[in-house]
Amino acid sequence: TAGSSGSAFDQLGLASGGSDSFVNWSGAD
């Protein structure tokens, strides 16, 4: 969600970079 900390990977416990974020996904939509 917009309030999530980090990327989609982070929400699942996977260490990663942060470009697959809610902001980027929402902007693409």
PDB file of all heavy atoms in Angstrom:
ATOM      1  N   THR A   1       0.844  -1.196   0.000  1.00  0.00           N
ATOM      2  CA  THR A   1       0.000   0.000   0.000  1.00  0.00           C
ATOM      3  C   THR A   1       0.877   1.243   0.000  1.00  0.00           C
ATOM      4  O   THR A   1       2.103   1.160   0.093  1.00  0.00           O
ATOM      5  CB  THR A   1      -0.912   0.042   1.235  1.00  0.00           C
ATOM      6  OG1 THR A   1      -0.099   0.227   2.408  1.00  0.00           O
ATOM      7  CG2 THR A   1      -1.719  -1.242   1.386  1.00  0.00           C
ATOM      8  N   ALA A   2       0.213   2.390  -0.072  1.00  0.00           N
ATOM      9  CA  ALA A   2       0.946   3.658  -0.036  1.00  0.00           C
ATOM     10  C   ALA A   2       1.729   3.809   1.266  1.00  0.00           C
ATOM     11  O   ALA A   2       2.763   4.469   1.313  1.00  0.00           O
ATOM     12  CB  ALA A   2      -0.017   4.820  -0.222  1.00  0.00           C
ATOM     13  N   GLY A   3       1.253   3.185   2.330  1.00  0.00           N
ATOM     14  CA  GLY A   3       1.931   3.296   3.621  1.00  0.00           C
ATOM     15  C   GLY A   3       2.967   2.224   3.867  1.00  0.00           C
ATOM     16  O   GLY A   3       3.594   2.191   4.936  1.00  0.00           O
ATOM     17  N   SER A   4       3.175   1.317   2.899  1.00  0.00           N
ATOM     18  CA  SER A   4       4.142   0.230   3.079  1.00  0.00           C
ATOM     19  C   SER A   4       5.565   0.766   3.098  1.00  0.00           C
ATOM     20  O   SER A   4       5.900   1.714   2.386  1.00  0.00           O
ATOM     21  CB  SER A   4       4.004  -0.794   1.950  1.00  0.00           C
ATOM     22  OG  SER A   4       2.739  -1.407   1.958  1.00  0.00           O
ATOM     23  N   SER A   5       6.385   0.141   3.896  1.00  0.00           N
ATOM     24  CA  SER A   5       7.789   0.507   3.966  1.00  0.00           C
ATOM     25  C   SER A   5       8.576  -0.375   2.999  1.00  0.00           C
ATOM     26  O   SER A   5       8.619  -1.593   3.146  1.00  0.00           O
ATOM     27  CB  SER A   5       8.314   0.330   5.389  1.00  0.00           C
ATOM     28  OG  SER A   5       9.700   0.558   5.445  1.00  0.00           O
ATOM     29  N   GLY A   6       9.172   0.230   1.972  1.00  0.00           N
ATOM     30  CA  GLY A   6       9.972  -0.535   1.031  1.00  0.00           C
ATOM     31  C   GLY A   6       9.190  -1.039  -0.163  1.00  0.00           C
ATOM     32  O   GLY A   6       8.067  -0.615  -0.443  1.00  0.00           O
ATOM     33  N   SER A   7       9.797  -1.987  -0.856  1.00  0.00           N
ATOM     34  CA  SER A   7       9.269  -2.487  -2.123  1.00  0.00           C
ATOM     35  C   SER A   7       8.334  -3.668  -1.909  1.00  0.00           C
ATOM     36  O   SER A   7       8.124  -4.134  -0.782  1.00  0.00           O
ATOM     37  CB  SER A   7      10.426  -2.933  -3.016  1.00  0.00           C
ATOM     38  OG  SER A   7      11.041  -4.096  -2.468  1.00  0.00           O
ATOM     39  N   ALA A   8       7.800  -4.182  -3.025  1.00  0.00           N
ATOM     40  CA  ALA A   8       6.969  -5.390  -2.969  1.00  0.00           C
ATOM     41  C   ALA A   8       7.774  -6.557  -2.409  1.00  0.00           C
ATOM     42  O   ALA A   8       7.255  -7.368  -1.628  1.00  0.00           O
ATOM     43  CB  ALA A   8       6.455  -5.715  -4.369  1.00  0.00           C
ATOM     44  N   PHE A   9       9.055  -6.651  -2.773  1.00  0.00           N
ATOM     45  CA  PHE A   9       9.894  -7.723  -2.243  1.00  0.00           C
ATOM     46  C   PHE A   9      10.010  -7.635  -0.726  1.00  0.00           C
ATOM     47  O   PHE A   9       9.963  -8.641  -0.020  1.00  0.00           O
ATOM     48  CB  PHE A   9      11.296  -7.649  -2.864  1.00  0.00           C
ATOM     49  CG  PHE A   9      11.341  -7.885  -4.348  1.00  0.00           C
ATOM     50  CD1 PHE A   9      11.690  -6.862  -5.214  1.00  0.00           C
ATOM     51  CD2 PHE A   9      11.059  -9.129  -4.882  1.00  0.00           C
ATOM     52  CE1 PHE A   9      11.754  -7.077  -6.581  1.00  0.00           C
ATOM     53  CE2 PHE A   9      11.122  -9.362  -6.248  1.00  0.00           C
ATOM     54  CZ  PHE A   9      11.463  -8.324  -7.101  1.00  0.00           C
ATOM     55  N   ASP A  10      10.187  -6.425  -0.228  1.00  0.00           N
ATOM     56  CA  ASP A  10      10.348  -6.226   1.220  1.00  0.00           C
ATOM     57  C   ASP A  10       9.146  -6.734   2.000  1.00  0.00           C
ATOM     58  O   ASP A  10       9.285  -7.247   3.119  1.00  0.00           O
ATOM     59  CB  ASP A  10      10.575  -4.744   1.534  1.00  0.00           C
ATOM     60  CG  ASP A  10      11.898  -4.229   1.006  1.00  0.00           C
ATOM     61  OD1 ASP A  10      12.891  -4.971   1.098  1.00  0.00           O
ATOM     62  OD2 ASP A  10      11.937  -3.094   0.495  1.00  0.00           O
ATOM     63  N   GLN A  11       7.943  -6.593   1.433  1.00  0.00           N
ATOM     64  CA  GLN A  11       6.731  -7.020   2.146  1.00  0.00           C
ATOM     65  C   GLN A  11       6.713  -8.532   2.356  1.00  0.00           C
ATOM     66  O   GLN A  11       6.024  -9.039   3.247  1.00  0.00           O
ATOM     67  CB  GLN A  11       5.469  -6.599   1.381  1.00  0.00           C
ATOM     68  CG  GLN A  11       5.397  -5.139   0.992  1.00  0.00           C
ATOM     69  CD  GLN A  11       5.800  -4.204   2.125  1.00  0.00           C
ATOM     70  OE1 GLN A  11       5.245  -4.273   3.227  1.00  0.00           O
ATOM     71  NE2 GLN A  11       6.763  -3.328   1.857  1.00  0.00           N
ATOM     72  N   LEU A  12       7.472  -9.252   1.524  1.00  0.00           N
ATOM     73  CA  LEU A  12       7.535 -10.713   1.628  1.00  0.00           C
ATOM     74  C   LEU A  12       8.785 -11.194   2.353  1.00  0.00           C
ATOM     75  O   LEU A  12       9.016 -12.395   2.471  1.00  0.00           O
ATOM     76  CB  LEU A  12       7.491 -11.323   0.221  1.00  0.00           C
ATOM     77  CG  LEU A  12       6.214 -11.031  -0.580  1.00  0.00           C
ATOM     78  CD1 LEU A  12       6.421 -11.378  -2.053  1.00  0.00           C
ATOM     79  CD2 LEU A  12       5.029 -11.802  -0.022  1.00  0.00           C
ATOM     80  N   GLY A  13       9.594 -10.250   2.835  1.00  0.00           N
ATOM     81  CA  GLY A  13      10.805 -10.609   3.573  1.00  0.00           C
ATOM     82  C   GLY A  13      12.031 -10.805   2.714  1.00  0.00           C
ATOM     83  O   GLY A  13      13.060 -11.279   3.199  1.00  0.00           O
ATOM     84  N   LEU A  14      11.949 -10.439   1.421  1.00  0.00           N
ATOM     85  CA  LEU A  14      13.064 -10.629   0.493  1.00  0.00           C
ATOM     86  C   LEU A  14      13.891  -9.350   0.395  1.00  0.00           C
ATOM     87  O   LEU A  14      13.361  -8.295   0.053  1.00  0.00           O
ATOM     88  CB  LEU A  14      12.529 -11.004  -0.891  1.00  0.00           C
ATOM     89  CG  LEU A  14      11.708 -12.296  -0.960  1.00  0.00           C
ATOM     90  CD1 LEU A  14      10.997 -12.394  -2.305  1.00  0.00           C
ATOM     91  CD2 LEU A  14      12.596 -13.514  -0.728  1.00  0.00           C
ATOM     92  N   ALA A  15      15.180  -9.442   0.688  1.00  0.00           N
ATOM     93  CA  ALA A  15      16.068  -8.277   0.593  1.00  0.00           C
ATOM     94  C   ALA A  15      16.202  -7.875  -0.866  1.00  0.00           C
ATOM     95  O   ALA A  15      16.373  -8.717  -1.747  1.00  0.00           O
ATOM     96  CB  ALA A  15      17.437  -8.621   1.172  1.00  0.00           C
ATOM     97  N   SER A  16      16.088  -6.576  -1.143  1.00  0.00           N
ATOM     98  CA  SER A  16      16.127  -6.138  -2.541  1.00  0.00           C
ATOM     99  C   SER A  16      16.328  -4.634  -2.621  1.00  0.00           C
ATOM    100  O   SER A  16      16.350  -3.929  -1.617  1.00  0.00           O
ATOM    101  CB  SER A  16      14.810  -6.488  -3.230  1.00  0.00           C
ATOM    102  OG  SER A  16      13.774  -5.654  -2.753  1.00  0.00           O
ATOM    103  N   GLY A  17      16.381  -4.156  -3.860  1.00  0.00           N
ATOM    104  CA  GLY A  17      16.301  -2.722  -4.107  1.00  0.00           C
ATOM    105  C   GLY A  17      14.850  -2.270  -3.994  1.00  0.00           C
ATOM    106  O   GLY A  17      13.949  -3.087  -3.807  1.00  0.00           O
ATOM    107  N   GLY A  18      14.606  -0.985  -4.135  1.00  0.00           N
ATOM    108  CA  GLY A  18      13.276  -0.470  -3.838  1.00  0.00           C
ATOM    109  C   GLY A  18      12.469   0.058  -4.997  1.00  0.00           C
ATOM    110  O   GLY A  18      11.481   0.758  -4.791  1.00  0.00           O
ATOM    111  N   SER A  19      12.834  -0.263  -6.265  1.00  0.00           N
ATOM    112  CA  SER A  19      12.134   0.380  -7.375  1.00  0.00           C
ATOM    113  C   SER A  19      10.748  -0.192  -7.644  1.00  0.00           C
ATOM    114  O   SER A  19       9.915   0.478  -8.248  1.00  0.00           O
ATOM    115  CB  SER A  19      12.986   0.317  -8.647  1.00  0.00           C
ATOM    116  OG  SER A  19      13.189  -1.014  -9.057  1.00  0.00           O
ATOM    117  N   ASP A  20      10.487  -1.436  -7.227  1.00  0.00           N
ATOM    118  CA  ASP A  20       9.134  -1.992  -7.381  1.00  0.00           C
ATOM    119  C   ASP A  20       8.305  -1.595  -6.165  1.00  0.00           C
ATOM    120  O   ASP A  20       7.907  -2.425  -5.344  1.00  0.00           O
ATOM    121  CB  ASP A  20       9.191  -3.508  -7.572  1.00  0.00           C
ATOM    122  CG  ASP A  20       9.388  -3.875  -9.026  1.00  0.00           C
ATOM    123  OD1 ASP A  20       8.552  -3.475  -9.850  1.00  0.00           O
ATOM    124  OD2 ASP A  20      10.390  -4.544  -9.347  1.00  0.00           O
ATOM    125  N   SER A  21       8.012  -0.310  -6.094  1.00  0.00           N
ATOM    126  CA  SER A  21       7.315   0.283  -4.960  1.00  0.00           C
ATOM    127  C   SER A  21       5.866   0.598  -5.312  1.00  0.00           C
ATOM    128  O   SER A  21       5.477   0.598  -6.487  1.00  0.00           O
ATOM    129  CB  SER A  21       8.011   1.578  -4.547  1.00  0.00           C
ATOM    130  OG  SER A  21       7.937   2.520  -5.616  1.00  0.00           O
ATOM    131  N   PHE A  22       5.076   0.901  -4.298  1.00  0.00           N
ATOM    132  CA  PHE A  22       3.685   1.291  -4.538  1.00  0.00           C
ATOM    133  C   PHE A  22       3.625   2.552  -5.395  1.00  0.00           C
ATOM    134  O   PHE A  22       2.778   2.661  -6.291  1.00  0.00           O
ATOM    135  CB  PHE A  22       2.962   1.536  -3.205  1.00  0.00           C
ATOM    136  CG  PHE A  22       1.528   1.938  -3.384  1.00  0.00           C
ATOM    137  CD1 PHE A  22       0.527   0.994  -3.510  1.00  0.00           C
ATOM    138  CD2 PHE A  22       1.167   3.288  -3.443  1.00  0.00           C
ATOM    139  CE1 PHE A  22      -0.806   1.369  -3.701  1.00  0.00           C
ATOM    140  CE2 PHE A  22      -0.152   3.678  -3.635  1.00  0.00           C
ATOM    141  CZ  PHE A  22      -1.149   2.709  -3.758  1.00  0.00           C
ATOM    142  N   VAL A  23       4.511   3.485  -5.137  1.00  0.00           N
ATOM    143  CA  VAL A  23       4.508   4.747  -5.891  1.00  0.00           C
ATOM    144  C   VAL A  23       4.709   4.485  -7.387  1.00  0.00           C
ATOM    145  O   VAL A  23       3.975   5.011  -8.232  1.00  0.00           O
ATOM    146  CB  VAL A  23       5.597   5.702  -5.354  1.00  0.00           C
ATOM    147  CG1 VAL A  23       5.765   6.904  -6.275  1.00  0.00           C
ATOM    148  CG2 VAL A  23       5.241   6.177  -3.945  1.00  0.00           C
ATOM    149  N   ASN A  24       5.704   3.657  -7.724  1.00  0.00           N
ATOM    150  CA  ASN A  24       5.968   3.374  -9.138  1.00  0.00           C
ATOM    151  C   ASN A  24       4.841   2.583  -9.787  1.00  0.00           C
ATOM    152  O   ASN A  24       4.451   2.849 -10.924  1.00  0.00           O
ATOM    153  CB  ASN A  24       7.298   2.638  -9.291  1.00  0.00           C
ATOM    154  CG  ASN A  24       8.491   3.553  -9.139  1.00  0.00           C
ATOM    155  OD1 ASN A  24       8.380   4.774  -9.261  1.00  0.00           O
ATOM    156  ND2 ASN A  24       9.648   2.980  -8.851  1.00  0.00           N
ATOM    157  N   TRP A  25       4.331   1.593  -9.075  1.00  0.00           N
ATOM    158  CA  TRP A  25       3.241   0.787  -9.634  1.00  0.00           C
ATOM    159  C   TRP A  25       1.979   1.637  -9.817  1.00  0.00           C
ATOM    160  O   TRP A  25       1.321   1.574 -10.850  1.00  0.00           O
ATOM    161  CB  TRP A  25       2.956  -0.405  -8.732  1.00  0.00           C
ATOM    162  CG  TRP A  25       3.976  -1.496  -8.824  1.00  0.00           C
ATOM    163  CD1 TRP A  25       5.181  -1.451  -9.472  1.00  0.00           C
ATOM    164  CD2 TRP A  25       3.893  -2.799  -8.243  1.00  0.00           C
ATOM    165  NE1 TRP A  25       5.850  -2.642  -9.334  1.00  0.00           N
ATOM    166  CE2 TRP A  25       5.095  -3.492  -8.590  1.00  0.00           C
ATOM    167  CE3 TRP A  25       2.951  -3.453  -7.457  1.00  0.00           C
ATOM    168  CZ2 TRP A  25       5.344  -4.805  -8.185  1.00  0.00           C
ATOM    169  CZ3 TRP A  25       3.196  -4.765  -7.048  1.00  0.00           C
ATOM    170  CH2 TRP A  25       4.377  -5.434  -7.404  1.00  0.00           C
ATOM    171  N   SER A  26       1.649   2.422  -8.817  1.00  0.00           N
ATOM    172  CA  SER A  26       0.474   3.278  -8.910  1.00  0.00           C
ATOM    173  C   SER A  26       0.614   4.277 -10.052  1.00  0.00           C
ATOM    174  O   SER A  26      -0.331   4.517 -10.820  1.00  0.00           O
ATOM    175  CB  SER A  26       0.268   4.020  -7.578  1.00  0.00           C
ATOM    176  OG  SER A  26      -0.819   4.901  -7.659  1.00  0.00           O
ATOM    177  N   GLY A  27       1.806   4.849 -10.206  1.00  0.00           N
ATOM    178  CA  GLY A  27       2.049   5.795 -11.286  1.00  0.00           C
ATOM    179  C   GLY A  27       1.900   5.160 -12.654  1.00  0.00           C
ATOM    180  O   GLY A  27       1.364   5.773 -13.586  1.00  0.00           O
ATOM    181  N   ALA A  28       2.356   3.916 -12.788  1.00  0.00           N
ATOM    182  CA  ALA A  28       2.203   3.207 -14.065  1.00  0.00           C
ATOM    183  C   ALA A  28       0.730   2.948 -14.360  1.00  0.00           C
ATOM    184  O   ALA A  28       0.283   3.077 -15.508  1.00  0.00           O
ATOM    185  CB  ALA A  28       2.979   1.896 -14.035  1.00  0.00           C
ATOM    186  N   ASP A  29      -0.024   2.580 -13.344  1.00  0.00           N
ATOM    187  CA  ASP A  29      -1.460   2.333 -13.545  1.00  0.00           C
ATOM    188  C   ASP A  29      -2.183   3.590 -14.033  1.00  0.00           C
ATOM    189  O   ASP A  29      -2.906   3.557 -15.029  1.00  0.00           O
ATOM    190  CB  ASP A  29      -2.110   1.845 -12.239  1.00  0.00           C
ATOM    191  CG  ASP A  29      -1.987   0.334 -12.053  1.00  0.00           C
ATOM    192  OD1 ASP A  29      -1.938  -0.386 -13.072  1.00  0.00           O
ATOM    193  OD2 ASP A  29      -1.945  -0.119 -10.903  1.00  0.00           O
TER     194      ASP A  29
END
